[in-house]
Amino acid sequence: MEHCCQYMDEYLAEDDIAIRYSSAVREYSIPVLDDGSSGVILRFCPWCGKELPIGLRDKWFGTLESLGYDPGPDTNNPNIPDEFRSDIWWKSKGF
């Protein structure tokens, strides 16, 4: 996937930078030093300054719940359908 700029593409490809991208909910974040599951959402790219796309976390949870799934607090729950673990679900809906 291409992101907002070359730097974001490059740094997200590395494991040693403290920025994460979740394709399932289209969300950029900086991890919080706790159990590793929470993060501070980024609204702008730290390198180019562009506004990042609005995350789809609420739509993700709402869609799963409307289909009868209880995803729990984590987007990595193994009980959810595969298409909801990536960007497939929101791209198919045109978000």
N, C-alpha and C. Protein backbone atom coordinates (compact mmCIF):
# COMPACT_ATOMS: atom_id res chain seq x y z
N MET A 1 0.84 -1.18 0.00
CA MET A 1 0.00 0.00 0.00
C MET A 1 0.88 1.24 0.00
N GLU A 2 0.46 2.24 -0.74
CA GLU A 2 1.15 3.51 -0.70
C GLU A 2 0.49 4.41 0.34
N HIS A 3 1.30 5.09 1.08
CA HIS A 3 0.81 6.00 2.10
C HIS A 3 0.97 7.43 1.61
N CYS A 4 0.96 8.40 2.46
CA CYS A 4 0.94 9.81 2.07
C CYS A 4 2.24 10.30 1.45
N CYS A 5 3.37 9.68 1.79
CA CYS A 5 4.66 10.13 1.25
C CYS A 5 5.67 8.99 1.29
N GLN A 6 6.78 9.21 0.62
CA GLN A 6 7.85 8.22 0.55
C GLN A 6 8.36 7.84 1.94
N TYR A 7 8.48 8.82 2.83
CA TYR A 7 9.01 8.54 4.17
C TYR A 7 8.07 7.65 4.96
N MET A 8 6.79 7.91 4.88
CA MET A 8 5.82 7.06 5.60
C MET A 8 5.89 5.64 5.05
N ASP A 9 5.96 5.50 3.73
CA ASP A 9 6.10 4.16 3.13
C ASP A 9 7.34 3.45 3.66
N GLU A 10 8.46 4.15 3.64
CA GLU A 10 9.72 3.54 4.07
C GLU A 10 9.73 3.17 5.54
N TYR A 11 9.29 4.09 6.39
CA TYR A 11 9.36 3.84 7.83
C TYR A 11 8.37 2.79 8.30
N LEU A 12 7.20 2.72 7.67
CA LEU A 12 6.25 1.68 8.05
C LEU A 12 6.75 0.30 7.63
N ALA A 13 7.61 0.25 6.64
CA ALA A 13 8.18 -1.03 6.20
C ALA A 13 9.25 -1.54 7.17
N GLU A 14 9.76 -0.66 8.02
CA GLU A 14 10.77 -1.05 9.00
C GLU A 14 10.11 -1.36 10.34
N ASP A 15 10.72 -2.23 11.10
CA ASP A 15 10.17 -2.58 12.41
C ASP A 15 10.71 -1.73 13.54
N ASP A 16 11.70 -0.90 13.28
CA ASP A 16 12.32 -0.16 14.38
C ASP A 16 11.79 1.27 14.54
N ILE A 17 10.75 1.64 13.83
CA ILE A 17 10.17 2.98 13.96
C ILE A 17 8.88 2.86 14.77
N ALA A 18 8.62 3.85 15.59
CA ALA A 18 7.48 3.77 16.51
C ALA A 18 6.20 4.33 15.90
N ILE A 19 5.88 3.90 14.69
CA ILE A 19 4.59 4.24 14.08
C ILE A 19 4.02 2.95 13.52
N ARG A 20 2.72 2.76 13.77
CA ARG A 20 2.03 1.57 13.26
C ARG A 20 0.94 1.99 12.30
N TYR A 21 0.61 1.10 11.38
CA TYR A 21 -0.55 1.29 10.51
C TYR A 21 -1.38 0.03 10.58
N SER A 22 -2.66 0.19 10.87
CA SER A 22 -3.58 -0.94 10.88
C SER A 22 -4.47 -0.83 9.65
N SER A 23 -4.27 -1.73 8.69
CA SER A 23 -5.08 -1.68 7.47
C SER A 23 -6.53 -2.04 7.75
N ALA A 24 -6.78 -2.85 8.77
CA ALA A 24 -8.15 -3.25 9.08
C ALA A 24 -9.03 -2.06 9.45
N VAL A 25 -8.47 -1.08 10.13
CA VAL A 25 -9.26 0.08 10.55
C VAL A 25 -8.72 1.39 9.98
N ARG A 26 -7.77 1.29 9.01
CA ARG A 26 -7.18 2.45 8.34
C ARG A 26 -6.73 3.50 9.34
N GLU A 27 -5.83 3.09 10.23
CA GLU A 27 -5.45 3.94 11.35
C GLU A 27 -3.93 3.96 11.54
N TYR A 28 -3.39 5.16 11.69
CA TYR A 28 -1.98 5.36 11.98
C TYR A 28 -1.86 5.71 13.45
N SER A 29 -0.88 5.13 14.15
CA SER A 29 -0.75 5.42 15.57
C SER A 29 0.69 5.26 16.03
N ILE A 30 0.95 5.83 17.20
CA ILE A 30 2.22 5.65 17.90
C ILE A 30 1.90 4.77 19.10
N PRO A 31 2.58 3.63 19.24
CA PRO A 31 2.28 2.72 20.35
C PRO A 31 2.54 3.37 21.71
N VAL A 32 1.67 3.04 22.66
CA VAL A 32 1.84 3.47 24.04
C VAL A 32 2.61 2.37 24.76
N LEU A 33 3.51 2.74 25.61
CA LEU A 33 4.34 1.74 26.29
C LEU A 33 3.58 1.09 27.44
N ASP A 34 2.65 0.25 27.08
CA ASP A 34 1.90 -0.54 28.07
C ASP A 34 1.96 -1.99 27.60
N ASP A 35 0.85 -2.58 27.35
CA ASP A 35 0.86 -3.97 26.88
C ASP A 35 1.04 -4.07 25.37
N GLY A 36 1.19 -2.94 24.70
CA GLY A 36 1.42 -2.92 23.27
C GLY A 36 0.19 -2.88 22.40
N SER A 37 -0.99 -2.89 23.01
CA SER A 37 -2.21 -2.91 22.21
C SER A 37 -2.83 -1.53 22.00
N SER A 38 -2.42 -0.52 22.76
CA SER A 38 -3.01 0.80 22.59
C SER A 38 -2.02 1.76 21.96
N GLY A 39 -2.55 2.85 21.43
CA GLY A 39 -1.69 3.81 20.77
C GLY A 39 -2.35 5.16 20.67
N VAL A 40 -1.55 6.16 20.37
CA VAL A 40 -2.03 7.51 20.15
C VAL A 40 -2.25 7.66 18.64
N ILE A 41 -3.47 8.00 18.25
CA ILE A 41 -3.83 8.12 16.84
C ILE A 41 -3.16 9.35 16.24
N LEU A 42 -2.60 9.19 15.05
CA LEU A 42 -2.00 10.31 14.32
C LEU A 42 -3.01 10.88 13.34
N ARG A 43 -3.13 12.18 13.29
CA ARG A 43 -4.02 12.83 12.33
C ARG A 43 -3.24 13.41 11.15
N PHE A 44 -1.92 13.65 11.36
CA PHE A 44 -1.08 14.22 10.32
C PHE A 44 0.21 13.43 10.22
N CYS A 45 0.76 13.35 9.02
CA CYS A 45 2.03 12.66 8.81
C CYS A 45 3.15 13.45 9.47
N PRO A 46 3.99 12.81 10.26
CA PRO A 46 5.08 13.53 10.91
C PRO A 46 6.18 13.96 9.94
N TRP A 47 6.19 13.44 8.72
CA TRP A 47 7.24 13.79 7.76
C TRP A 47 6.77 14.83 6.74
N CYS A 48 5.60 14.63 6.14
CA CYS A 48 5.17 15.56 5.09
C CYS A 48 4.08 16.52 5.56
N GLY A 49 3.46 16.23 6.70
CA GLY A 49 2.44 17.11 7.26
C GLY A 49 1.04 16.92 6.69
N LYS A 50 0.88 16.01 5.72
CA LYS A 50 -0.46 15.79 5.15
C LYS A 50 -1.41 15.21 6.19
N GLU A 51 -2.67 15.59 6.05
CA GLU A 51 -3.69 15.00 6.92
C GLU A 51 -3.88 13.54 6.51
N LEU A 52 -3.88 12.66 7.49
CA LEU A 52 -4.05 11.23 7.24
C LEU A 52 -5.54 10.90 7.15
N PRO A 53 -5.89 9.81 6.48
CA PRO A 53 -7.30 9.43 6.36
C PRO A 53 -7.92 9.19 7.73
N ILE A 54 -9.19 9.46 7.83
CA ILE A 54 -9.92 9.22 9.08
C ILE A 54 -10.01 7.71 9.29
N GLY A 55 -9.69 7.29 10.51
CA GLY A 55 -9.74 5.88 10.85
C GLY A 55 -11.16 5.34 10.81
N LEU A 56 -11.28 4.05 10.66
CA LEU A 56 -12.59 3.39 10.53
C LEU A 56 -12.88 2.45 11.69
N ARG A 57 -12.24 2.69 12.83
CA ARG A 57 -12.42 1.80 13.98
C ARG A 57 -13.89 1.64 14.38
N ASP A 58 -14.64 2.73 14.50
CA ASP A 58 -16.04 2.65 14.90
C ASP A 58 -16.87 1.89 13.86
N LYS A 59 -16.62 2.17 12.58
CA LYS A 59 -17.34 1.45 11.52
C LYS A 59 -16.99 -0.04 11.53
N TRP A 60 -15.71 -0.35 11.80
CA TRP A 60 -15.25 -1.74 11.86
C TRP A 60 -16.03 -2.49 12.95
N PHE A 61 -16.05 -1.93 14.16
CA PHE A 61 -16.78 -2.57 15.26
C PHE A 61 -18.27 -2.66 14.95
N GLY A 62 -18.86 -1.57 14.46
CA GLY A 62 -20.29 -1.55 14.15
C GLY A 62 -20.67 -2.57 13.10
N THR A 63 -19.87 -2.68 12.06
CA THR A 63 -20.15 -3.64 10.99
C THR A 63 -20.07 -5.06 11.51
N LEU A 64 -19.03 -5.37 12.27
CA LEU A 64 -18.91 -6.72 12.83
C LEU A 64 -20.07 -7.05 13.77
N GLU A 65 -20.43 -6.11 14.62
CA GLU A 65 -21.54 -6.35 15.55
C GLU A 65 -22.85 -6.54 14.80
N SER A 66 -23.07 -5.79 13.71
CA SER A 66 -24.30 -5.95 12.93
C SER A 66 -24.35 -7.31 12.24
N LEU A 67 -23.20 -7.93 12.03
CA LEU A 67 -23.14 -9.27 11.45
C LEU A 67 -23.17 -10.38 12.50
N GLY A 68 -23.30 -9.99 13.78
CA GLY A 68 -23.41 -10.97 14.85
C GLY A 68 -22.10 -11.39 15.48
N TYR A 69 -21.02 -10.67 15.20
CA TYR A 69 -19.72 -10.99 15.79
C TYR A 69 -19.45 -10.07 16.97
N ASP A 70 -18.80 -10.61 17.98
CA ASP A 70 -18.32 -9.81 19.10
C ASP A 70 -16.81 -9.77 19.00
N PRO A 71 -16.26 -8.70 18.38
CA PRO A 71 -14.83 -8.67 18.15
C PRO A 71 -13.99 -8.49 19.40
N GLY A 72 -14.60 -8.07 20.49
CA GLY A 72 -13.83 -7.78 21.69
C GLY A 72 -13.05 -6.49 21.47
N PRO A 73 -12.08 -6.21 22.32
CA PRO A 73 -11.37 -4.93 22.23
C PRO A 73 -10.24 -4.89 21.19
N ASP A 74 -9.96 -6.02 20.56
CA ASP A 74 -8.76 -6.12 19.74
C ASP A 74 -9.09 -6.42 18.28
N THR A 75 -8.49 -5.65 17.35
CA THR A 75 -8.71 -5.90 15.93
C THR A 75 -8.03 -7.18 15.45
N ASN A 76 -7.23 -7.82 16.29
CA ASN A 76 -6.54 -9.06 15.92
C ASN A 76 -7.26 -10.31 16.42
N ASN A 77 -8.48 -10.18 16.87
CA ASN A 77 -9.24 -11.32 17.39
C ASN A 77 -9.35 -12.41 16.31
N PRO A 78 -8.91 -13.63 16.61
CA PRO A 78 -8.93 -14.69 15.60
C PRO A 78 -10.33 -15.18 15.24
N ASN A 79 -11.36 -14.78 16.00
CA ASN A 79 -12.72 -15.24 15.73
C ASN A 79 -13.45 -14.40 14.67
N ILE A 80 -12.85 -13.32 14.22
CA ILE A 80 -13.52 -12.49 13.22
C ILE A 80 -13.17 -12.99 11.81
N PRO A 81 -14.03 -12.75 10.84
CA PRO A 81 -13.75 -13.20 9.46
C PRO A 81 -12.47 -12.58 8.91
N ASP A 82 -11.80 -13.31 8.04
CA ASP A 82 -10.52 -12.88 7.49
C ASP A 82 -10.57 -11.52 6.81
N GLU A 83 -11.64 -11.23 6.08
CA GLU A 83 -11.70 -9.95 5.35
C GLU A 83 -11.70 -8.74 6.28
N PHE A 84 -12.04 -8.94 7.56
CA PHE A 84 -12.04 -7.85 8.53
C PHE A 84 -10.68 -7.68 9.22
N ARG A 85 -9.72 -8.50 8.85
CA ARG A 85 -8.36 -8.36 9.41
C ARG A 85 -7.45 -7.58 8.48
N SER A 86 -8.02 -7.07 7.39
CA SER A 86 -7.25 -6.28 6.44
C SER A 86 -8.15 -5.17 5.91
N ASP A 87 -7.72 -4.53 4.84
CA ASP A 87 -8.49 -3.43 4.26
C ASP A 87 -9.57 -3.92 3.30
N ILE A 88 -9.71 -5.22 3.11
CA ILE A 88 -10.67 -5.76 2.15
C ILE A 88 -12.09 -5.28 2.45
N TRP A 89 -12.51 -5.32 3.71
CA TRP A 89 -13.89 -4.99 4.05
C TRP A 89 -14.21 -3.53 3.74
N TRP A 90 -13.34 -2.60 4.09
CA TRP A 90 -13.68 -1.19 3.87
C TRP A 90 -13.48 -0.76 2.43
N LYS A 91 -12.54 -1.35 1.73
CA LYS A 91 -12.38 -1.04 0.31
C LYS A 91 -13.58 -1.53 -0.49
N SER A 92 -14.14 -2.70 -0.11
CA SER A 92 -15.30 -3.23 -0.82
C SER A 92 -16.55 -2.38 -0.59
N LYS A 93 -16.56 -1.61 0.50
CA LYS A 93 -17.69 -0.73 0.80
C LYS A 93 -17.45 0.70 0.31
N GLY A 94 -16.28 0.94 -0.27
CA GLY A 94 -15.99 2.26 -0.84
C GLY A 94 -15.61 3.34 0.16
N PHE A 95 -15.11 2.95 1.33
CA PHE A 95 -14.72 3.96 2.34
C PHE A 95 -13.40 4.59 1.98
